[in-house]
Amino acid sequence: MNVEHPCLSPWKGAAIGGLLGFAGLAPFFDGPPKAALFALGLQGLGGFYWTWILGKIPGLTAVDAAKYGAMFGVCVAALGVLPPRLAVVAVVVWTVASPIIARWGRASACALPGR
């Protein structure tokens, strides 16, 4: 059985994940504007790499994306040594963002770059 991998655009995932991730953390943020911009960029970077990983999962469904997103949120919380309330936010945000990325982050073409 040949199961296809979804063609996801890491750039779309960066935008979607970055905005949703930052929106989830914004209520807890009290730093200067430069730090907020850095936090938005960091969430976008996470969304970029997470979309790339999601695109490697064969037969990805929205439910699978949510489950993997929850685990990604746990990893982000643990590796980032986040306080409990932000750890919960990270898990919720990436659980919600992952199916959205899987649905709306589709690439316009699945072709590999030429050599």
PDB file of N, CA and C in Angstrom:
ATOM      1  N   MET A   1       0.847  -1.182   0.000  1.00  0.00           N
ATOM      2  CA  MET A   1       0.000   0.000   0.000  1.00  0.00           C
ATOM      3  C   MET A   1       0.888   1.238   0.000  1.00  0.00           C
ATOM      4  N   ASN A   2       0.645   2.125  -0.921  1.00  0.00           N
ATOM      5  CA  ASN A   2       1.426   3.341  -1.036  1.00  0.00           C
ATOM      6  C   ASN A   2       0.637   4.509  -0.441  1.00  0.00           C
ATOM      7  N   VAL A   3       1.063   4.999   0.713  1.00  0.00           N
ATOM      8  CA  VAL A   3       0.396   6.123   1.362  1.00  0.00           C
ATOM      9  C   VAL A   3       1.200   7.374   1.068  1.00  0.00           C
ATOM     10  N   GLU A   4       0.520   8.379   0.572  1.00  0.00           N
ATOM     11  CA  GLU A   4       1.202   9.613   0.188  1.00  0.00           C
ATOM     12  C   GLU A   4       1.428  10.524   1.391  1.00  0.00           C
ATOM     13  N   HIS A   5       2.522  11.248   1.334  1.00  0.00           N
ATOM     14  CA  HIS A   5       2.805  12.276   2.327  1.00  0.00           C
ATOM     15  C   HIS A   5       2.071  13.549   1.903  1.00  0.00           C
ATOM     16  N   PRO A   6       1.569  14.322   2.856  1.00  0.00           N
ATOM     17  CA  PRO A   6       0.941  15.585   2.469  1.00  0.00           C
ATOM     18  C   PRO A   6       2.011  16.570   1.985  1.00  0.00           C
ATOM     19  N   CYS A   7       1.661  17.366   1.012  1.00  0.00           N
ATOM     20  CA  CYS A   7       2.572  18.400   0.518  1.00  0.00           C
ATOM     21  C   CYS A   7       2.278  19.678   1.283  1.00  0.00           C
ATOM     22  N   LEU A   8       3.048  19.952   2.302  1.00  0.00           N
ATOM     23  CA  LEU A   8       2.839  21.130   3.132  1.00  0.00           C
ATOM     24  C   LEU A   8       3.938  22.150   2.878  1.00  0.00           C
ATOM     25  N   SER A   9       3.574  23.406   2.881  1.00  0.00           N
ATOM     26  CA  SER A   9       4.527  24.495   2.699  1.00  0.00           C
ATOM     27  C   SER A   9       5.026  24.969   4.062  1.00  0.00           C
ATOM     28  N   PRO A  10       6.310  24.788   4.346  1.00  0.00           N
ATOM     29  CA  PRO A  10       6.828  25.280   5.628  1.00  0.00           C
ATOM     30  C   PRO A  10       6.646  26.785   5.803  1.00  0.00           C
ATOM     31  N   TRP A  11       6.601  27.526   4.700  1.00  0.00           N
ATOM     32  CA  TRP A  11       6.422  28.979   4.793  1.00  0.00           C
ATOM     33  C   TRP A  11       5.015  29.318   5.250  1.00  0.00           C
ATOM     34  N   LYS A  12       4.016  28.594   4.713  1.00  0.00           N
ATOM     35  CA  LYS A  12       2.646  28.803   5.184  1.00  0.00           C
ATOM     36  C   LYS A  12       2.529  28.359   6.644  1.00  0.00           C
ATOM     37  N   GLY A  13       3.171  27.257   6.974  1.00  0.00           N
ATOM     38  CA  GLY A  13       3.160  26.772   8.350  1.00  0.00           C
ATOM     39  C   GLY A  13       3.817  27.750   9.307  1.00  0.00           C
ATOM     40  N   ALA A  14       4.876  28.421   8.839  1.00  0.00           N
ATOM     41  CA  ALA A  14       5.546  29.430   9.663  1.00  0.00           C
ATOM     42  C   ALA A  14       4.596  30.580   9.967  1.00  0.00           C
ATOM     43  N   ALA A  15       3.842  31.005   8.946  1.00  0.00           N
ATOM     44  CA  ALA A  15       2.895  32.101   9.148  1.00  0.00           C
ATOM     45  C   ALA A  15       1.759  31.669  10.077  1.00  0.00           C
ATOM     46  N   ILE A  16       1.171  30.511   9.802  1.00  0.00           N
ATOM     47  CA  ILE A  16       0.042  30.034  10.606  1.00  0.00           C
ATOM     48  C   ILE A  16       0.486  29.730  12.033  1.00  0.00           C
ATOM     49  N   GLY A  17       1.543  28.929  12.167  1.00  0.00           N
ATOM     50  CA  GLY A  17       2.031  28.562  13.501  1.00  0.00           C
ATOM     51  C   GLY A  17       2.552  29.754  14.276  1.00  0.00           C
ATOM     52  N   GLY A  18       3.252  30.655  13.573  1.00  0.00           N
ATOM     53  CA  GLY A  18       3.793  31.842  14.230  1.00  0.00           C
ATOM     54  C   GLY A  18       2.693  32.729  14.797  1.00  0.00           C
ATOM     55  N   LEU A  19       1.679  32.976  13.976  1.00  0.00           N
ATOM     56  CA  LEU A  19       0.584  33.839  14.428  1.00  0.00           C
ATOM     57  C   LEU A  19      -0.241  33.189  15.533  1.00  0.00           C
ATOM     58  N   LEU A  20      -0.575  31.907  15.359  1.00  0.00           N
ATOM     59  CA  LEU A  20      -1.361  31.232  16.405  1.00  0.00           C
ATOM     60  C   LEU A  20      -0.554  31.060  17.690  1.00  0.00           C
ATOM     61  N   GLY A  21       0.724  30.708  17.550  1.00  0.00           N
ATOM     62  CA  GLY A  21       1.575  30.549  18.725  1.00  0.00           C
ATOM     63  C   GLY A  21       1.731  31.853  19.494  1.00  0.00           C
ATOM     64  N   PHE A  22       1.962  32.934  18.750  1.00  0.00           N
ATOM     65  CA  PHE A  22       2.124  34.229  19.397  1.00  0.00           C
ATOM     66  C   PHE A  22       0.810  34.701  20.014  1.00  0.00           C
ATOM     67  N   ALA A  23      -0.311  34.462  19.308  1.00  0.00           N
ATOM     68  CA  ALA A  23      -1.613  34.859  19.847  1.00  0.00           C
ATOM     69  C   ALA A  23      -1.902  34.133  21.164  1.00  0.00           C
ATOM     70  N   GLY A  24      -1.478  32.871  21.269  1.00  0.00           N
ATOM     71  CA  GLY A  24      -1.692  32.130  22.511  1.00  0.00           C
ATOM     72  C   GLY A  24      -0.828  32.619  23.647  1.00  0.00           C
ATOM     73  N   LEU A  25       0.367  33.102  23.304  1.00  0.00           N
ATOM     74  CA  LEU A  25       1.279  33.560  24.350  1.00  0.00           C
ATOM     75  C   LEU A  25       1.145  35.053  24.649  1.00  0.00           C
ATOM     76  N   ALA A  26       0.538  35.816  23.750  1.00  0.00           N
ATOM     77  CA  ALA A  26       0.446  37.273  23.901  1.00  0.00           C
ATOM     78  C   ALA A  26      -0.175  37.728  25.222  1.00  0.00           C
ATOM     79  N   PRO A  27      -1.237  37.083  25.715  1.00  0.00           N
ATOM     80  CA  PRO A  27      -1.802  37.551  26.986  1.00  0.00           C
ATOM     81  C   PRO A  27      -0.825  37.459  28.165  1.00  0.00           C
ATOM     82  N   PHE A  28       0.191  36.629  28.056  1.00  0.00           N
ATOM     83  CA  PHE A  28       1.151  36.463  29.140  1.00  0.00           C
ATOM     84  C   PHE A  28       2.416  37.292  28.922  1.00  0.00           C
ATOM     85  N   PHE A  29       2.460  38.015  27.813  1.00  0.00           N
ATOM     86  CA  PHE A  29       3.681  38.726  27.432  1.00  0.00           C
ATOM     87  C   PHE A  29       3.653  40.139  27.973  1.00  0.00           C
ATOM     88  N   ASP A  30       4.748  40.578  28.608  1.00  0.00           N
ATOM     89  CA  ASP A  30       4.821  41.943  29.130  1.00  0.00           C
ATOM     90  C   ASP A  30       6.177  42.582  28.845  1.00  0.00           C
ATOM     91  N   GLY A  31       6.805  42.162  27.767  1.00  0.00           N
ATOM     92  CA  GLY A  31       8.118  42.696  27.419  1.00  0.00           C
ATOM     93  C   GLY A  31       8.020  43.854  26.441  1.00  0.00           C
ATOM     94  N   PRO A  32       9.182  44.427  26.071  1.00  0.00           N
ATOM     95  CA  PRO A  32       9.213  45.529  25.107  1.00  0.00           C
ATOM     96  C   PRO A  32       8.847  45.037  23.699  1.00  0.00           C
ATOM     97  N   PRO A  33       8.498  45.976  22.789  1.00  0.00           N
ATOM     98  CA  PRO A  33       8.095  45.593  21.434  1.00  0.00           C
ATOM     99  C   PRO A  33       9.136  44.744  20.687  1.00  0.00           C
ATOM    100  N   LYS A  34      10.422  45.008  20.885  1.00  0.00           N
ATOM    101  CA  LYS A  34      11.454  44.206  20.213  1.00  0.00           C
ATOM    102  C   LYS A  34      11.384  42.748  20.658  1.00  0.00           C
ATOM    103  N   ALA A  35      11.141  42.547  21.929  1.00  0.00           N
ATOM    104  CA  ALA A  35      11.035  41.182  22.459  1.00  0.00           C
ATOM    105  C   ALA A  35       9.781  40.499  21.911  1.00  0.00           C
ATOM    106  N   ALA A  36       8.710  41.252  21.732  1.00  0.00           N
ATOM    107  CA  ALA A  36       7.487  40.686  21.155  1.00  0.00           C
ATOM    108  C   ALA A  36       7.729  40.255  19.717  1.00  0.00           C
ATOM    109  N   LEU A  37       8.452  41.076  18.970  1.00  0.00           N
ATOM    110  CA  LEU A  37       8.782  40.730  17.583  1.00  0.00           C
ATOM    111  C   LEU A  37       9.669  39.482  17.536  1.00  0.00           C
ATOM    112  N   PHE A  38      10.607  39.396  18.472  1.00  0.00           N
ATOM    113  CA  PHE A  38      11.461  38.212  18.566  1.00  0.00           C
ATOM    114  C   PHE A  38      10.625  36.966  18.888  1.00  0.00           C
ATOM    115  N   ALA A  39       9.671  37.096  19.813  1.00  0.00           N
ATOM    116  CA  ALA A  39       8.801  35.972  20.181  1.00  0.00           C
ATOM    117  C   ALA A  39       7.959  35.525  18.989  1.00  0.00           C
ATOM    118  N   LEU A  40       7.454  36.482  18.215  1.00  0.00           N
ATOM    119  CA  LEU A  40       6.684  36.148  17.014  1.00  0.00           C
ATOM    120  C   LEU A  40       7.559  35.396  16.014  1.00  0.00           C
ATOM    121  N   GLY A  41       8.784  35.874  15.812  1.00  0.00           N
ATOM    122  CA  GLY A  41       9.717  35.199  14.900  1.00  0.00           C
ATOM    123  C   GLY A  41      10.076  33.798  15.381  1.00  0.00           C
ATOM    124  N   LEU A  42      10.246  33.648  16.670  1.00  0.00           N
ATOM    125  CA  LEU A  42      10.578  32.339  17.237  1.00  0.00           C
ATOM    126  C   LEU A  42       9.424  31.351  17.049  1.00  0.00           C
ATOM    127  N   GLN A  43       8.200  31.806  17.253  1.00  0.00           N
ATOM    128  CA  GLN A  43       7.034  30.952  17.010  1.00  0.00           C
ATOM    129  C   GLN A  43       6.924  30.605  15.531  1.00  0.00           C
ATOM    130  N   GLY A  44       7.242  31.567  14.661  1.00  0.00           N
ATOM    131  CA  GLY A  44       7.239  31.303  13.222  1.00  0.00           C
ATOM    132  C   GLY A  44       8.284  30.276  12.831  1.00  0.00           C
ATOM    133  N   LEU A  45       9.453  30.347  13.436  1.00  0.00           N
ATOM    134  CA  LEU A  45      10.497  29.358  13.177  1.00  0.00           C
ATOM    135  C   LEU A  45      10.043  27.976  13.623  1.00  0.00           C
ATOM    136  N   GLY A  46       9.411  27.908  14.785  1.00  0.00           N
ATOM    137  CA  GLY A  46       8.855  26.637  15.253  1.00  0.00           C
ATOM    138  C   GLY A  46       7.796  26.109  14.302  1.00  0.00           C
ATOM    139  N   GLY A  47       6.934  26.999  13.803  1.00  0.00           N
ATOM    140  CA  GLY A  47       5.906  26.599  12.842  1.00  0.00           C
ATOM    141  C   GLY A  47       6.506  26.102  11.541  1.00  0.00           C
ATOM    142  N   PHE A  48       7.607  26.721  11.108  1.00  0.00           N
ATOM    143  CA  PHE A  48       8.292  26.305   9.874  1.00  0.00           C
ATOM    144  C   PHE A  48       8.782  24.868  10.007  1.00  0.00           C
ATOM    145  N   TYR A  49       9.533  24.600  11.053  1.00  0.00           N
ATOM    146  CA  TYR A  49      10.092  23.254  11.240  1.00  0.00           C
ATOM    147  C   TYR A  49       9.014  22.229  11.557  1.00  0.00           C
ATOM    148  N   TRP A  50       7.982  22.638  12.312  1.00  0.00           N
ATOM    149  CA  TRP A  50       6.914  21.708  12.641  1.00  0.00           C
ATOM    150  C   TRP A  50       6.134  21.322  11.384  1.00  0.00           C
ATOM    151  N   THR A  51       5.911  22.271  10.487  1.00  0.00           N
ATOM    152  CA  THR A  51       5.220  21.973   9.231  1.00  0.00           C
ATOM    153  C   THR A  51       6.046  21.019   8.388  1.00  0.00           C
ATOM    154  N   TRP A  52       7.343  21.228   8.371  1.00  0.00           N
ATOM    155  CA  TRP A  52       8.227  20.327   7.626  1.00  0.00           C
ATOM    156  C   TRP A  52       8.106  18.900   8.177  1.00  0.00           C
ATOM    157  N   ILE A  53       8.057  18.754   9.504  1.00  0.00           N
ATOM    158  CA  ILE A  53       7.910  17.439  10.125  1.00  0.00           C
ATOM    159  C   ILE A  53       6.534  16.847   9.813  1.00  0.00           C
ATOM    160  N   LEU A  54       5.474  17.647   9.949  1.00  0.00           N
ATOM    161  CA  LEU A  54       4.128  17.149   9.646  1.00  0.00           C
ATOM    162  C   LEU A  54       4.035  16.653   8.203  1.00  0.00           C
ATOM    163  N   GLY A  55       4.718  17.328   7.301  1.00  0.00           N
ATOM    164  CA  GLY A  55       4.700  16.940   5.893  1.00  0.00           C
ATOM    165  C   GLY A  55       5.380  15.612   5.625  1.00  0.00           C
ATOM    166  N   LYS A  56       6.114  15.084   6.576  1.00  0.00           N
ATOM    167  CA  LYS A  56       6.800  13.794   6.429  1.00  0.00           C
ATOM    168  C   LYS A  56       5.959  12.626   6.947  1.00  0.00           C
ATOM    169  N   ILE A  57       4.801  12.908   7.520  1.00  0.00           N
ATOM    170  CA  ILE A  57       3.963  11.865   8.107  1.00  0.00           C
ATOM    171  C   ILE A  57       2.987  11.361   7.042  1.00  0.00           C
ATOM    172  N   PRO A  58       3.110  10.097   6.640  1.00  0.00           N
ATOM    173  CA  PRO A  58       2.222   9.574   5.601  1.00  0.00           C
ATOM    174  C   PRO A  58       0.782   9.445   6.092  1.00  0.00           C
ATOM    175  N   GLY A  59      -0.151   9.777   5.204  1.00  0.00           N
ATOM    176  CA  GLY A  59      -1.566   9.626   5.522  1.00  0.00           C
ATOM    177  C   GLY A  59      -2.048  10.503   6.649  1.00  0.00           C
ATOM    178  N   LEU A  60      -1.473  11.674   6.817  1.00  0.00           N
ATOM    179  CA  LEU A  60      -1.800  12.568   7.930  1.00  0.00           C
ATOM    180  C   LEU A  60      -3.261  13.023   7.869  1.00  0.00           C
ATOM    181  N   THR A  61      -3.975  12.818   8.967  1.00  0.00           N
ATOM    182  CA  THR A  61      -5.355  13.310   9.099  1.00  0.00           C
ATOM    183  C   THR A  61      -5.357  14.455  10.096  1.00  0.00           C
ATOM    184  N   ALA A  62      -6.491  15.170  10.172  1.00  0.00           N
ATOM    185  CA  ALA A  62      -6.604  16.273  11.123  1.00  0.00           C
ATOM    186  C   ALA A  62      -6.472  15.775  12.563  1.00  0.00           C
ATOM    187  N   VAL A  63      -7.049  14.617  12.854  1.00  0.00           N
ATOM    188  CA  VAL A  63      -6.962  14.049  14.211  1.00  0.00           C
ATOM    189  C   VAL A  63      -5.513  13.683  14.530  1.00  0.00           C
ATOM    190  N   ASP A  64      -4.836  13.056  13.555  1.00  0.00           N
ATOM    191  CA  ASP A  64      -3.418  12.734  13.760  1.00  0.00           C
ATOM    192  C   ASP A  64      -2.605  14.001  13.991  1.00  0.00           C
ATOM    193  N   ALA A  65      -2.877  15.034  13.179  1.00  0.00           N
ATOM    194  CA  ALA A  65      -2.142  16.296  13.318  1.00  0.00           C
ATOM    195  C   ALA A  65      -2.349  16.885  14.704  1.00  0.00           C
ATOM    196  N   ALA A  66      -3.578  16.822  15.220  1.00  0.00           N
ATOM    197  CA  ALA A  66      -3.853  17.340  16.562  1.00  0.00           C
ATOM    198  C   ALA A  66      -3.091  16.553  17.625  1.00  0.00           C
ATOM    199  N   LYS A  67      -3.067  15.225  17.480  1.00  0.00           N
ATOM    200  CA  LYS A  67      -2.342  14.393  18.454  1.00  0.00           C
ATOM    201  C   LYS A  67      -0.843  14.681  18.416  1.00  0.00           C
ATOM    202  N   TYR A  68      -0.291  14.745  17.193  1.00  0.00           N
ATOM    203  CA  TYR A  68       1.134  15.064  17.070  1.00  0.00           C
ATOM    204  C   TYR A  68       1.413  16.483  17.567  1.00  0.00           C
ATOM    205  N   GLY A  69       0.476  17.388  17.309  1.00  0.00           N
ATOM    206  CA  GLY A  69       0.631  18.768  17.777  1.00  0.00           C
ATOM    207  C   GLY A  69       0.658  18.860  19.287  1.00  0.00           C
ATOM    208  N   ALA A  70      -0.179  18.054  19.952  1.00  0.00           N
ATOM    209  CA  ALA A  70      -0.173  18.036  21.418  1.00  0.00           C
ATOM    210  C   ALA A  70       1.186  17.572  21.932  1.00  0.00           C
ATOM    211  N   MET A  71       1.728  16.546  21.297  1.00  0.00           N
ATOM    212  CA  MET A  71       3.044  16.055  21.715  1.00  0.00           C
ATOM    213  C   MET A  71       4.124  17.102  21.438  1.00  0.00           C
ATOM    214  N   PHE A  72       4.011  17.800  20.304  1.00  0.00           N
ATOM    215  CA  PHE A  72       4.957  18.873  19.997  1.00  0.00           C
ATOM    216  C   PHE A  72       4.869  19.970  21.059  1.00  0.00           C
ATOM    217  N   GLY A  73       3.639  20.303  21.480  1.00  0.00           N
ATOM    218  CA  GLY A  73       3.460  21.300  22.537  1.00  0.00           C
ATOM    219  C   GLY A  73       4.102  20.876  23.845  1.00  0.00           C
ATOM    220  N   VAL A  74       3.975  19.594  24.184  1.00  0.00           N
ATOM    221  CA  VAL A  74       4.622  19.066  25.394  1.00  0.00           C
ATOM    222  C   VAL A  74       6.137  19.210  25.275  1.00  0.00           C
ATOM    223  N   CYS A  75       6.668  18.881  24.112  1.00  0.00           N
ATOM    224  CA  CYS A  75       8.121  18.998  23.893  1.00  0.00           C
ATOM    225  C   CYS A  75       8.575  20.447  23.983  1.00  0.00           C
ATOM    226  N   VAL A  76       7.812  21.356  23.372  1.00  0.00           N
ATOM    227  CA  VAL A  76       8.149  22.784  23.435  1.00  0.00           C
ATOM    228  C   VAL A  76       8.151  23.245  24.888  1.00  0.00           C
ATOM    229  N   ALA A  77       7.132  22.833  25.646  1.00  0.00           N
ATOM    230  CA  ALA A  77       7.031  23.234  27.046  1.00  0.00           C
ATOM    231  C   ALA A  77       8.179  22.673  27.877  1.00  0.00           C
ATOM    232  N   ALA A  78       8.506  21.405  27.647  1.00  0.00           N
ATOM    233  CA  ALA A  78       9.570  20.773  28.433  1.00  0.00           C
ATOM    234  C   ALA A  78      10.941  21.320  28.063  1.00  0.00           C
ATOM    235  N   LEU A  79      11.207  21.431  26.765  1.00  0.00           N
ATOM    236  CA  LEU A  79      12.522  21.911  26.335  1.00  0.00           C
ATOM    237  C   LEU A  79      12.710  23.401  26.612  1.00  0.00           C
ATOM    238  N   GLY A  80      11.589  24.135  26.611  1.00  0.00           N
ATOM    239  CA  GLY A  80      11.658  25.559  26.902  1.00  0.00           C
ATOM    240  C   GLY A  80      11.597  25.857  28.385  1.00  0.00           C
ATOM    241  N   VAL A  81      11.443  24.827  29.210  1.00  0.00           N
ATOM    242  CA  VAL A  81      11.325  24.951  30.660  1.00  0.00           C
ATOM    243  C   VAL A  81      10.316  26.057  30.996  1.00  0.00           C
ATOM    244  N   LEU A  82       9.126  25.885  30.452  1.00  0.00           N
ATOM    245  CA  LEU A  82       8.074  26.877  30.653  1.00  0.00           C
ATOM    246  C   LEU A  82       7.374  26.667  31.995  1.00  0.00           C
ATOM    247  N   PRO A  83       6.916  27.758  32.602  1.00  0.00           N
ATOM    248  CA  PRO A  83       6.107  27.613  33.810  1.00  0.00           C
ATOM    249  C   PRO A  83       4.803  26.897  33.461  1.00  0.00           C
ATOM    250  N   PRO A  84       4.153  26.281  34.445  1.00  0.00           N
ATOM    251  CA  PRO A  84       2.975  25.444  34.165  1.00  0.00           C
ATOM    252  C   PRO A  84       1.897  26.109  33.314  1.00  0.00           C
ATOM    253  N   ARG A  85       1.554  27.362  33.582  1.00  0.00           N
ATOM    254  CA  ARG A  85       0.474  27.986  32.805  1.00  0.00           C
ATOM    255  C   ARG A  85       0.876  28.173  31.344  1.00  0.00           C
ATOM    256  N   LEU A  86       2.146  28.499  31.075  1.00  0.00           N
ATOM    257  CA  LEU A  86       2.594  28.631  29.691  1.00  0.00           C
ATOM    258  C   LEU A  86       2.770  27.275  29.028  1.00  0.00           C
ATOM    259  N   ALA A  87       3.098  26.252  29.810  1.00  0.00           N
ATOM    260  CA  ALA A  87       3.205  24.896  29.266  1.00  0.00           C
ATOM    261  C   ALA A  87       1.848  24.446  28.742  1.00  0.00           C
ATOM    262  N   VAL A  88       0.797  24.727  29.493  1.00  0.00           N
ATOM    263  CA  VAL A  88      -0.555  24.375  29.059  1.00  0.00           C
ATOM    264  C   VAL A  88      -0.913  25.142  27.789  1.00  0.00           C
ATOM    265  N   VAL A  89      -0.557  26.418  27.746  1.00  0.00           N
ATOM    266  CA  VAL A  89      -0.824  27.227  26.551  1.00  0.00           C
ATOM    267  C   VAL A  89      -0.102  26.639  25.343  1.00  0.00           C
ATOM    268  N   ALA A  90       1.156  26.246  25.504  1.00  0.00           N
ATOM    269  CA  ALA A  90       1.918  25.670  24.387  1.00  0.00           C
ATOM    270  C   ALA A  90       1.262  24.399  23.871  1.00  0.00           C
ATOM    271  N   VAL A  91       0.807  23.549  24.766  1.00  0.00           N
ATOM    272  CA  VAL A  91       0.150  22.301  24.349  1.00  0.00           C
ATOM    273  C   VAL A  91      -1.149  22.612  23.611  1.00  0.00           C
ATOM    274  N   VAL A  92      -1.958  23.510  24.157  1.00  0.00           N
ATOM    275  CA  VAL A  92      -3.238  23.852  23.524  1.00  0.00           C
ATOM    276  C   VAL A  92      -3.005  24.511  22.159  1.00  0.00           C
ATOM    277  N   VAL A  93      -2.092  25.472  22.116  1.00  0.00           N
ATOM    278  CA  VAL A  93      -1.843  26.194  20.866  1.00  0.00           C
ATOM    279  C   VAL A  93      -1.401  25.245  19.756  1.00  0.00           C
ATOM    280  N   TRP A  94      -0.430  24.369  20.018  1.00  0.00           N
ATOM    281  CA  TRP A  94       0.064  23.494  18.960  1.00  0.00           C
ATOM    282  C   TRP A  94      -0.896  22.357  18.649  1.00  0.00           C
ATOM    283  N   THR A  95      -1.756  21.989  19.614  1.00  0.00           N
ATOM    284  CA  THR A  95      -2.804  21.012  19.318  1.00  0.00           C
ATOM    285  C   THR A  95      -3.814  21.609  18.343  1.00  0.00           C
ATOM    286  N   VAL A  96      -4.148  22.870  18.529  1.00  0.00           N
ATOM    287  CA  VAL A  96      -5.089  23.559  17.637  1.00  0.00           C
ATOM    288  C   VAL A  96      -4.418  23.938  16.312  1.00  0.00           C
ATOM    289  N   ALA A  97      -3.182  24.406  16.366  1.00  0.00           N
ATOM    290  CA  ALA A  97      -2.498  24.885  15.158  1.00  0.00           C
ATOM    291  C   ALA A  97      -2.178  23.764  14.175  1.00  0.00           C
ATOM    292  N   SER A  98      -1.870  22.587  14.664  1.00  0.00           N
ATOM    293  CA  SER A  98      -1.420  21.503  13.777  1.00  0.00           C
ATOM    294  C   SER A  98      -2.453  21.076  12.740  1.00  0.00           C
ATOM    295  N   PRO A  99      -3.729  20.846  13.112  1.00  0.00           N
ATOM    296  CA  PRO A  99      -4.705  20.518  12.070  1.00  0.00           C
ATOM    297  C   PRO A  99      -4.936  21.673  11.097  1.00  0.00           C
ATOM    298  N   ILE A 100      -4.836  22.907  11.599  1.00  0.00           N
ATOM    299  CA  ILE A 100      -4.988  24.071  10.720  1.00  0.00           C
ATOM    300  C   ILE A 100      -3.834  24.114   9.721  1.00  0.00           C
ATOM    301  N   ILE A 101      -2.626  23.867  10.206  1.00  0.00           N
ATOM    302  CA  ILE A 101      -1.466  23.817   9.307  1.00  0.00           C
ATOM    303  C   ILE A 101      -1.633  22.686   8.298  1.00  0.00           C
ATOM    304  N   ALA A 102      -2.083  21.519   8.771  1.00  0.00           N
ATOM    305  CA  ALA A 102      -2.259  20.371   7.874  1.00  0.00           C
ATOM    306  C   ALA A 102      -3.305  20.660   6.797  1.00  0.00           C
ATOM    307  N   ARG A 103      -4.293  21.476   7.122  1.00  0.00           N
ATOM    308  CA  ARG A 103      -5.361  21.789   6.161  1.00  0.00           C
ATOM    309  C   ARG A 103      -5.000  22.975   5.270  1.00  0.00           C
ATOM    310  N   TRP A 104      -4.565  24.080   5.870  1.00  0.00           N
ATOM    311  CA  TRP A 104      -4.354  25.328   5.129  1.00  0.00           C
ATOM    312  C   TRP A 104      -2.915  25.551   4.720  1.00  0.00           C
ATOM    313  N   GLY A 105      -2.011  24.704   5.166  1.00  0.00           N
ATOM    314  CA  GLY A 105      -0.605  24.864   4.821  1.00  0.00           C
ATOM    315  C   GLY A 105      -0.189  24.057   3.610  1.00  0.00           C
ATOM    316  N   ARG A 106      -1.148  23.624   2.822  1.00  0.00           N
ATOM    317  CA  ARG A 106      -0.834  22.819   1.629  1.00  0.00           C
ATOM    318  C   ARG A 106       0.020  23.618   0.657  1.00  0.00           C
ATOM    319  N   ALA A 107       1.006  22.945   0.081  1.00  0.00           N
ATOM    320  CA  ALA A 107       1.880  23.565  -0.906  1.00  0.00           C
ATOM    321  C   ALA A 107       1.179  23.564  -2.259  1.00  0.00           C
ATOM    322  N   SER A 108       1.504  24.555  -3.081  1.00  0.00           N
ATOM    323  CA  SER A 108       0.883  24.616  -4.395  1.00  0.00           C
ATOM    324  C   SER A 108       1.444  23.555  -5.336  1.00  0.00           C
ATOM    325  N   ALA A 109       2.642  23.087  -5.058  1.00  0.00           N
ATOM    326  CA  ALA A 109       3.257  22.030  -5.880  1.00  0.00           C
ATOM    327  C   ALA A 109       4.098  21.141  -4.979  1.00  0.00           C
ATOM    328  N   CYS A 110       4.160  19.871  -5.331  1.00  0.00           N
ATOM    329  CA  CYS A 110       4.922  18.915  -4.526  1.00  0.00           C
ATOM    330  C   CYS A 110       6.238  18.529  -5.190  1.00  0.00           C
ATOM    331  N   ALA A 111       6.587  19.204  -6.242  1.00  0.00           N
ATOM    332  CA  ALA A 111       7.800  18.840  -6.963  1.00  0.00           C
ATOM    333  C   ALA A 111       9.032  19.134  -6.146  1.00  0.00           C
ATOM    334  N   LEU A 112      10.003  18.250  -6.254  1.00  0.00           N
ATOM    335  CA  LEU A 112      11.287  18.477  -5.618  1.00  0.00           C
ATOM    336  C   LEU A 112      12.077  19.498  -6.430  1.00  0.00           C
ATOM    337  N   PRO A 113      12.918  20.284  -5.782  1.00  0.00           N
ATOM    338  CA  PRO A 113      13.707  21.264  -6.543  1.00  0.00           C
ATOM    339  C   PRO A 113      14.656  20.570  -7.512  1.00  0.00           C
ATOM    340  N   GLY A 114      14.902  21.205  -8.638  1.00  0.00           N
ATOM    341  CA  GLY A 114      15.802  20.643  -9.638  1.00  0.00           C
ATOM    342  C   GLY A 114      17.233  20.666  -9.174  1.00  0.00           C
ATOM    343  N   ARG A 115      18.043  19.837  -9.791  1.00  0.00           N
ATOM    344  CA  ARG A 115      19.460  19.764  -9.400  1.00  0.00           C
ATOM    345  C   ARG A 115      20.291  20.776 -10.130  1.00  0.00           C
TER     346      ARG A 115
END
